[in-house]
Amino acid sequence: MISSREREGIGRGGELRRDKNVLVLCIDRDDDIGSKAGIGTPVVGRDECINAGVRLAIEDPEDADSNAIFAAVKVYEELVSKGYKSEIALLSGSYRRGVEADERIVSQLHSVLKRFSADAVVIVSDGSDDESVLPVIQGIVPVISVQRVVIKHSRSVEYSYALLARYLRSLIYDPRYSKFFLGIPGALLLAGGLSIVLNLADYALPMLSIILGAIFLVRAFDVDRTLLSITKSTTPSNFVRVFSIVAGIIIVIASLETGYVNVQSMLEGQDALSIILNKDIITAFLINMLPLLWIGIGVILGGRLLSNIFRSSIKAISDALRLVVLGLFYIPVQQLILMIKGEANPFSLVSSLLLGFAVTLIAVTLVYEYYRKKASSTTKVGKNTTSSNSSNSSNASDIDEGNYKDD
């Protein structure tokens, strides 16, 4: 199906009408043009794009993005020679890719469209990664063609080894890849070697599993980048947040130790499956670790709350609600553990959940009403300020007019 906007620029023969504006876009989603050549985007115009491609080719002759830029220039010249009103632009994203890169590309596209009102777009890229932003661009302006530039490589064994060596160098020296392909195996090998040297070979496999699991969790939840961004700032709010996170994690680890100590005597002579299926062991572990676990999570949320209060951020309200919900969930979780153990009935669990839901609903309603009134009062103050400014301006003009008449 062709949208109404696309149909406006397409003639009866299925071709784009010559009086419509066609924009040729070269997409560099990982921002090689910025990180390697130091060129800011968007780059608009034939000569500007050629200069950008030449600079990138000089800085990194093996990068395929420079070939994509020249291919886009060729497409632009072909459209111009056929009589189309055309323009060419180079857009770039971010080396982190993902949402950040797509948002930057969309922002640059809007900037280009303000200078050149395009009816259709031709996209030129060097791979599927750049083309992943295609649906986003289609939501802004119709895309009539996508052209992928495939670099011709020699099939000889010599060039194959050279290409493999280039990729291996990237894995070793590029920080984006080396920390995963070298860092994770290095940490595992180091832990395994230390366990053998210290005569702890029996604990080598559990130790490796813990390290690997911790690395996966840190990367999955972006913990390393979050801590790095927090520690870069020297504001008091960020110091409070870092301290609360570290303190909370320590308390959570202490809760696990507390639970283990209280069931240690029950673990003797039991295998892993028997421990998992033993309700007494599991419930005793959970009921003893629960208080410290809740305190640790509360410390983390409390530090986030104080940090947002120091910054006068509206997020402090949602953080306060999280603390309230955390406190209200303590009794239901405790009742659930006791019910599994056989020391509580389902009625107490349901009643505590209903009570917690009611308190949460009341708290959310009060916060909503408070901010609704605050927003309305702010709007009224703004209107009064505008009206007073206009009246002052009219009075000043009347005074000036009177002075002019007196003169």
Protein backbone atom coordinates (compact mmCIF):
# COMPACT_ATOMS: atom_id res chain seq x y z
CA MET A 1 0.00 0.00 0.00
CA ILE A 2 1.21 3.52 -0.86
CA SER A 3 0.37 6.20 1.67
CA SER A 4 -1.40 9.41 0.65
CA ARG A 5 1.81 11.36 1.10
CA GLU A 6 3.70 8.96 -1.17
CA ARG A 7 0.88 8.97 -3.72
CA GLU A 8 1.17 12.74 -4.12
CA GLY A 9 4.70 12.37 -5.51
CA ILE A 10 4.13 9.30 -7.71
CA GLY A 11 2.81 9.53 -11.21
CA ARG A 12 0.52 7.16 -13.07
CA GLY A 13 3.42 5.17 -14.41
CA GLY A 14 4.58 4.31 -10.89
CA GLU A 15 7.56 6.69 -11.05
CA LEU A 16 8.20 9.67 -8.82
CA ARG A 17 7.14 12.91 -10.47
CA ARG A 18 10.04 15.11 -11.55
CA ASP A 19 8.66 18.21 -9.78
CA LYS A 20 8.94 16.56 -6.36
CA ASN A 21 11.87 16.95 -3.97
CA VAL A 22 13.97 13.83 -3.42
CA LEU A 23 16.41 13.63 -0.50
CA VAL A 24 19.33 11.19 -0.68
CA LEU A 25 20.29 10.07 2.83
CA CYS A 26 23.52 8.32 3.81
CA ILE A 27 23.14 6.75 7.26
CA ASP A 28 26.12 6.17 9.60
CA ARG A 29 24.38 4.70 12.65
CA ASP A 30 27.54 4.05 14.73
CA ASP A 31 28.93 7.59 14.09
CA ASP A 32 32.24 6.60 12.47
CA ILE A 33 32.21 9.96 10.70
CA GLY A 34 32.27 11.72 14.07
CA SER A 35 34.49 9.41 16.11
CA LYS A 36 37.11 8.83 13.40
CA ALA A 37 36.98 11.90 11.15
CA GLY A 38 35.78 14.41 13.76
CA ILE A 39 33.02 15.74 11.49
CA GLY A 40 29.72 16.90 12.97
CA THR A 41 26.44 15.93 11.37
CA PRO A 42 24.14 16.51 9.59
CA VAL A 43 26.30 17.20 6.55
CA VAL A 44 24.19 18.67 3.74
CA GLY A 45 25.26 19.25 0.14
CA ARG A 46 27.23 17.39 -2.52
CA ASP A 47 30.61 19.03 -1.95
CA GLU A 48 30.29 18.85 1.84
CA CYS A 49 29.49 15.11 1.70
CA ILE A 50 32.41 14.47 -0.66
CA ASN A 51 34.77 16.28 1.71
CA ALA A 52 33.40 14.24 4.64
CA GLY A 53 33.89 10.99 2.71
CA VAL A 54 37.45 11.94 1.76
CA ARG A 55 38.30 12.84 5.36
CA LEU A 56 36.87 9.53 6.66
CA ALA A 57 38.73 7.56 3.96
CA ILE A 58 41.99 9.26 4.96
CA GLU A 59 41.47 8.58 8.67
CA ASP A 60 40.36 4.96 8.13
CA PRO A 61 40.82 3.63 4.58
CA GLU A 62 39.26 0.29 5.54
CA ASP A 63 35.95 1.77 6.75
CA ALA A 64 33.03 0.98 4.44
CA ASP A 65 31.13 4.14 5.43
CA SER A 66 33.28 6.30 3.14
CA ASN A 67 32.25 4.11 0.19
CA ALA A 68 28.61 4.50 1.23
CA ILE A 69 29.03 8.30 1.20
CA PHE A 70 30.47 8.25 -2.33
CA ALA A 71 27.70 5.88 -3.44
CA ALA A 72 25.13 8.34 -2.07
CA VAL A 73 26.80 11.16 -4.04
CA LYS A 74 26.54 9.02 -7.19
CA VAL A 75 22.82 8.41 -6.57
CA TYR A 76 22.33 12.14 -6.02
CA GLU A 77 24.07 13.01 -9.30
CA GLU A 78 21.98 10.44 -11.19
CA LEU A 79 18.76 11.94 -9.81
CA VAL A 80 19.87 15.47 -10.72
CA SER A 81 20.81 14.36 -14.25
CA LYS A 82 17.31 12.91 -14.67
CA GLY A 83 15.74 16.24 -13.74
CA TYR A 84 14.76 15.59 -10.13
CA LYS A 85 14.95 18.32 -7.51
CA SER A 86 17.36 16.56 -5.20
CA GLU A 87 19.57 17.12 -2.17
CA ILE A 88 22.04 14.87 -0.33
CA ALA A 89 22.64 14.65 3.42
CA LEU A 90 24.80 12.56 5.73
CA LEU A 91 23.29 11.60 9.11
CA SER A 92 25.02 9.83 11.99
CA GLY A 93 23.92 8.19 15.22
CA SER A 94 26.01 7.10 18.21
CA TYR A 95 28.72 4.51 18.82
CA ARG A 96 26.41 3.01 21.47
CA ARG A 97 23.82 2.34 18.75
CA GLY A 98 20.33 1.49 20.07
CA VAL A 99 17.78 4.13 21.02
CA GLU A 100 20.38 6.87 21.49
CA ALA A 101 21.60 6.50 17.89
CA ASP A 102 18.08 6.41 16.45
CA GLU A 103 17.00 9.51 18.39
CA ARG A 104 20.04 11.42 17.11
CA ILE A 105 19.34 10.38 13.51
CA VAL A 106 15.69 11.45 13.79
CA SER A 107 16.70 14.82 15.26
CA GLN A 108 19.18 15.41 12.42
CA LEU A 109 16.60 14.37 9.83
CA HIS A 110 14.15 16.97 11.14
CA SER A 111 16.93 19.56 10.92
CA VAL A 112 17.62 18.65 7.28
CA LEU A 113 13.91 18.70 6.37
CA LYS A 114 13.68 22.28 7.65
CA ARG A 115 16.29 23.26 5.04
CA PHE A 116 15.05 20.99 2.24
CA SER A 117 11.38 20.00 2.24
CA ALA A 118 11.59 16.47 0.83
CA ASP A 119 8.65 14.56 -0.64
CA ALA A 120 10.57 11.27 -0.71
CA VAL A 121 13.84 9.77 0.49
CA VAL A 122 16.42 7.44 -1.01
CA ILE A 123 18.53 5.72 1.67
CA VAL A 124 22.08 4.56 0.98
CA SER A 125 23.85 2.42 3.60
CA ASP A 126 26.64 -0.11 3.94
CA GLY A 127 24.80 -2.74 5.97
CA SER A 128 21.73 -3.93 7.85
CA ASP A 129 22.73 -2.09 11.04
CA ASP A 130 22.29 1.29 9.34
CA GLU A 131 19.04 0.11 7.76
CA SER A 132 17.52 -0.77 11.15
CA VAL A 133 16.50 2.88 11.49
CA LEU A 134 14.46 2.61 8.27
CA PRO A 135 11.03 2.21 9.99
CA VAL A 136 11.68 5.35 12.03
CA ILE A 137 12.53 7.38 8.92
CA GLN A 138 9.47 6.01 7.09
CA GLY A 139 7.31 7.47 9.85
CA ILE A 140 8.63 10.94 9.00
CA VAL A 141 9.00 10.96 5.20
CA PRO A 142 8.25 8.30 2.53
CA VAL A 143 11.17 6.05 1.55
CA ILE A 144 11.10 5.13 -2.15
CA SER A 145 14.39 3.24 -2.37
CA VAL A 146 17.01 1.58 -0.16
CA GLN A 147 20.41 0.90 -1.70
CA ARG A 148 23.02 -1.15 0.12
CA VAL A 149 26.68 -0.71 -0.76
CA VAL A 150 28.59 -4.01 -0.76
CA ILE A 151 32.38 -3.67 -0.84
CA LYS A 152 34.13 -6.03 -3.26
CA HIS A 153 36.81 -8.05 -1.45
CA SER A 154 39.42 -10.25 -3.01
CA ARG A 155 38.68 -13.93 -2.60
CA SER A 156 42.31 -14.94 -2.30
CA VAL A 157 43.57 -16.58 0.85
CA GLU A 158 45.96 -13.70 1.47
CA TYR A 159 43.19 -11.12 1.63
CA SER A 160 41.00 -13.42 3.69
CA TYR A 161 43.73 -13.65 6.31
CA ALA A 162 44.19 -9.88 6.19
CA LEU A 163 40.49 -9.36 6.79
CA LEU A 164 40.53 -11.86 9.66
CA ALA A 165 43.54 -10.09 11.18
CA ARG A 166 41.71 -6.76 11.02
CA TYR A 167 38.75 -8.19 12.92
CA LEU A 168 41.07 -9.77 15.49
CA ARG A 169 42.76 -6.40 16.03
CA SER A 170 39.35 -4.87 16.63
CA LEU A 171 38.58 -7.53 19.25
CA ILE A 172 41.89 -6.86 21.01
CA TYR A 173 42.33 -3.08 20.76
CA ASP A 174 38.81 -1.69 20.37
CA PRO A 175 37.44 -1.06 23.91
CA ARG A 176 33.88 -1.70 22.73
CA TYR A 177 34.72 -5.34 21.97
CA SER A 178 37.86 -6.15 23.97
CA LYS A 179 36.18 -5.79 27.37
CA PHE A 180 33.80 -8.63 26.45
CA PHE A 181 35.96 -10.90 24.28
CA LEU A 182 39.04 -10.53 26.49
CA GLY A 183 37.75 -9.25 29.83
CA ILE A 184 35.24 -12.02 30.57
CA PRO A 185 37.50 -14.97 29.59
CA GLY A 186 40.39 -13.27 31.41
CA ALA A 187 38.40 -12.99 34.64
CA LEU A 188 37.31 -16.63 34.40
CA LEU A 189 40.84 -17.89 33.71
CA LEU A 190 42.22 -15.80 36.59
CA ALA A 191 39.63 -17.16 39.02
CA GLY A 192 40.22 -20.74 37.88
CA GLY A 193 44.00 -20.40 38.18
CA LEU A 194 43.80 -18.88 41.66
CA SER A 195 41.50 -21.63 42.87
CA ILE A 196 44.02 -24.27 41.74
CA VAL A 197 47.00 -22.43 43.28
CA LEU A 198 45.15 -22.04 46.60
CA ASN A 199 44.06 -25.71 46.60
CA LEU A 200 40.44 -24.70 46.12
CA ALA A 201 39.85 -26.67 42.93
CA ASP A 202 36.56 -28.02 44.30
CA TYR A 203 35.25 -24.46 44.42
CA ALA A 204 36.51 -23.50 40.95
CA LEU A 205 33.26 -24.21 39.10
CA PRO A 206 31.01 -22.37 41.59
CA MET A 207 33.45 -19.44 41.60
CA LEU A 208 33.45 -19.26 37.80
CA SER A 209 29.66 -19.43 37.74
CA ILE A 210 29.39 -16.57 40.26
CA ILE A 211 31.82 -14.37 38.32
CA LEU A 212 30.15 -15.07 34.97
CA GLY A 213 26.69 -14.49 36.42
CA ALA A 214 27.78 -11.22 38.03
CA ILE A 215 29.26 -9.99 34.74
CA PHE A 216 26.10 -10.87 32.82
CA LEU A 217 23.90 -9.11 35.40
CA VAL A 218 26.06 -5.98 35.41
CA ARG A 219 25.97 -5.75 31.61
CA ALA A 220 22.29 -6.69 31.29
CA PHE A 221 21.13 -3.95 33.67
CA ASP A 222 23.75 -1.41 32.51
CA VAL A 223 25.13 -1.14 36.06
CA ASP A 224 28.66 -0.21 34.96
CA ARG A 225 27.57 2.75 32.82
CA THR A 226 25.11 3.93 35.47
CA LEU A 227 27.77 3.95 38.19
CA LEU A 228 30.25 5.62 35.83
CA SER A 229 27.80 8.40 34.96
CA ILE A 230 26.99 8.92 38.66
CA THR A 231 30.61 9.00 39.82
CA LYS A 232 31.58 11.49 37.09
CA SER A 233 29.44 14.14 38.78
CA THR A 234 30.62 15.70 42.06
CA THR A 235 27.25 16.98 43.25
CA PRO A 236 26.13 16.00 46.79
CA SER A 237 23.03 14.27 45.41
CA ASN A 238 25.15 11.84 43.39
CA PHE A 239 27.42 11.09 46.37
CA VAL A 240 24.32 10.22 48.41
CA ARG A 241 23.07 7.99 45.62
CA VAL A 242 26.38 6.13 45.24
CA PHE A 243 26.69 5.60 49.00
CA SER A 244 23.12 4.31 49.28
CA ILE A 245 23.62 1.87 46.39
CA VAL A 246 26.84 0.45 47.86
CA ALA A 247 25.37 0.30 51.38
CA GLY A 248 22.19 -1.33 50.10
CA ILE A 249 24.12 -4.01 48.20
CA ILE A 250 26.22 -4.76 51.30
CA ILE A 251 23.06 -5.12 53.43
CA VAL A 252 21.47 -7.41 50.81
CA ILE A 253 24.59 -9.61 50.85
CA ALA A 254 24.44 -9.63 54.66
CA SER A 255 20.81 -10.79 54.46
CA LEU A 256 21.89 -13.79 52.37
CA GLU A 257 24.56 -14.60 54.96
CA THR A 258 22.00 -14.30 57.78
CA GLY A 259 19.64 -16.68 56.03
CA TYR A 260 22.42 -19.17 55.39
CA VAL A 261 23.70 -19.11 59.00
CA ASN A 262 20.24 -19.91 60.34
CA VAL A 263 19.84 -22.99 58.14
CA GLN A 264 23.45 -24.19 58.13
CA SER A 265 22.79 -26.95 60.64
CA MET A 266 19.86 -28.20 58.54
CA LEU A 267 22.02 -28.58 55.40
CA GLU A 268 24.24 -31.37 56.74
CA GLY A 269 23.87 -34.60 54.76
CA GLN A 270 21.52 -33.02 52.21
CA ASP A 271 22.07 -32.83 48.46
CA ALA A 272 21.01 -29.88 46.30
CA LEU A 273 17.69 -31.42 45.19
CA SER A 274 16.72 -32.34 48.75
CA ILE A 275 17.47 -28.80 49.92
CA ILE A 276 15.31 -27.27 47.17
CA LEU A 277 12.39 -29.60 47.94
CA ASN A 278 12.63 -29.14 51.73
CA LYS A 279 10.06 -26.50 52.71
CA ASP A 280 11.48 -26.08 56.20
CA ILE A 281 14.95 -25.15 54.90
CA ILE A 282 13.67 -22.79 52.19
CA THR A 283 11.17 -21.00 54.44
CA ALA A 284 13.68 -20.71 57.31
CA PHE A 285 16.22 -19.20 54.93
CA LEU A 286 13.72 -16.71 53.49
CA ILE A 287 12.13 -15.67 56.80
CA ASN A 288 15.54 -14.94 58.35
CA MET A 289 16.92 -13.01 55.38
CA LEU A 290 13.72 -11.02 54.75
CA PRO A 291 14.23 -8.14 57.25
CA LEU A 292 17.76 -7.29 56.11
CA LEU A 293 16.80 -7.77 52.46
CA TRP A 294 13.96 -5.25 52.81
CA ILE A 295 16.24 -2.83 54.67
CA GLY A 296 18.88 -3.07 51.91
CA ILE A 297 16.34 -2.37 49.16
CA GLY A 298 14.92 0.45 51.28
CA VAL A 299 18.38 2.02 51.67
CA ILE A 300 18.85 2.01 47.87
CA LEU A 301 15.41 3.56 47.27
CA GLY A 302 15.92 6.01 50.15
CA GLY A 303 19.21 7.21 48.68
CA ARG A 304 17.51 7.72 45.32
CA LEU A 305 14.76 9.69 47.09
CA LEU A 306 17.24 11.96 48.91
CA SER A 307 19.21 12.49 45.70
CA ASN A 308 16.11 13.68 43.85
CA ILE A 309 15.06 15.86 46.81
CA PHE A 310 18.46 17.60 46.74
CA ARG A 311 18.00 18.21 43.01
CA SER A 312 14.38 19.39 43.53
CA SER A 313 13.29 16.77 41.02
CA ILE A 314 9.67 15.73 40.63
CA LYS A 315 10.91 12.11 40.57
CA ALA A 316 11.17 12.33 44.38
CA ILE A 317 7.41 11.71 44.58
CA SER A 318 7.62 8.44 42.66
CA ASP A 319 10.60 7.41 44.80
CA ALA A 320 8.59 8.09 47.96
CA LEU A 321 5.74 5.98 46.58
CA ARG A 322 8.20 3.16 45.87
CA LEU A 323 9.30 3.22 49.51
CA VAL A 324 5.66 3.12 50.64
CA VAL A 325 4.90 0.18 48.36
CA LEU A 326 8.05 -1.62 49.53
CA GLY A 327 7.00 -1.24 53.17
CA LEU A 328 3.45 -2.39 52.42
CA PHE A 329 4.71 -5.51 50.63
CA TYR A 330 6.77 -6.68 53.63
CA ILE A 331 3.86 -8.20 55.56
CA PRO A 332 2.28 -9.97 52.53
CA VAL A 333 5.64 -11.53 51.62
CA GLN A 334 6.15 -12.60 55.22
CA GLN A 335 2.65 -14.08 55.33
CA LEU A 336 3.29 -15.94 52.07
CA ILE A 337 6.45 -17.54 53.49
CA LEU A 338 4.63 -18.51 56.69
CA MET A 339 1.74 -19.92 54.64
CA ILE A 340 4.17 -22.13 52.69
CA LYS A 341 5.60 -23.25 56.01
CA GLY A 342 2.07 -24.00 57.27
CA GLU A 343 2.00 -21.38 60.04
CA ALA A 344 -0.44 -18.93 58.40
CA ASN A 345 -3.71 -19.08 56.50
CA PRO A 346 -4.54 -17.59 53.07
CA PHE A 347 -6.99 -15.12 54.65
CA SER A 348 -4.19 -13.21 56.39
CA LEU A 349 -2.26 -13.00 53.11
CA VAL A 350 -5.26 -11.71 51.13
CA SER A 351 -6.23 -9.21 53.84
CA SER A 352 -2.69 -7.79 54.02
CA LEU A 353 -2.60 -7.46 50.23
CA LEU A 354 -5.95 -5.67 50.15
CA LEU A 355 -4.85 -3.33 52.94
CA GLY A 356 -1.62 -2.54 51.10
CA PHE A 357 -3.52 -1.91 47.86
CA ALA A 358 -5.90 0.47 49.64
CA VAL A 359 -3.08 2.45 51.25
CA THR A 360 -1.21 2.63 47.93
CA LEU A 361 -4.34 3.85 46.13
CA ILE A 362 -4.91 6.55 48.76
CA ALA A 363 -1.28 7.70 48.57
CA VAL A 364 -1.32 7.87 44.77
CA THR A 365 -4.63 9.77 44.77
CA LEU A 366 -3.35 12.34 47.27
CA VAL A 367 -0.17 12.89 45.27
CA TYR A 368 -2.15 13.23 42.03
CA GLU A 369 -4.54 15.78 43.55
CA TYR A 370 -1.65 17.76 45.04
CA TYR A 371 0.16 18.08 41.74
CA ARG A 372 -3.03 18.77 39.81
CA LYS A 373 -3.81 21.73 42.10
CA LYS A 374 -0.19 22.87 41.94
CA ALA A 375 -0.23 22.77 38.14
CA SER A 376 -3.50 24.72 37.94
CA SER A 377 -2.22 27.37 40.37
CA THR A 378 0.99 27.70 38.34
CA THR A 379 -1.08 28.21 35.19
CA LYS A 380 -3.17 30.92 36.88
CA VAL A 381 -0.05 32.71 38.12
CA GLY A 382 1.37 32.64 34.61
CA LYS A 383 -1.81 34.11 33.15
CA ASN A 384 -1.94 36.85 35.81
CA THR A 385 1.70 37.72 35.15
CA THR A 386 1.03 37.95 31.42
CA SER A 387 -2.05 40.15 31.90
CA SER A 388 -0.22 42.45 34.35
CA ASN A 389 2.68 42.80 31.93
CA SER A 390 0.31 43.68 29.10
CA SER A 391 -1.53 46.24 31.28
CA ASN A 392 1.78 47.78 32.33
CA SER A 393 2.80 48.02 28.70
CA SER A 394 -0.49 49.72 27.77
CA ASN A 395 -0.15 52.17 30.69
CA ALA A 396 3.39 53.00 29.64
CA SER A 397 2.25 53.65 26.08
CA ASP A 398 -0.57 55.90 27.37
CA ILE A 399 1.92 57.90 29.46
CA ASP A 400 4.26 58.27 26.49
CA GLU A 401 1.35 59.40 24.32
CA GLY A 402 0.30 61.97 26.96
CA ASN A 403 3.82 63.32 27.23
CA TYR A 404 3.95 63.63 23.47
CA LYS A 405 0.71 65.66 23.44
CA ASP A 406 1.96 67.92 26.24
CA ASP A 407 5.09 68.60 24.28
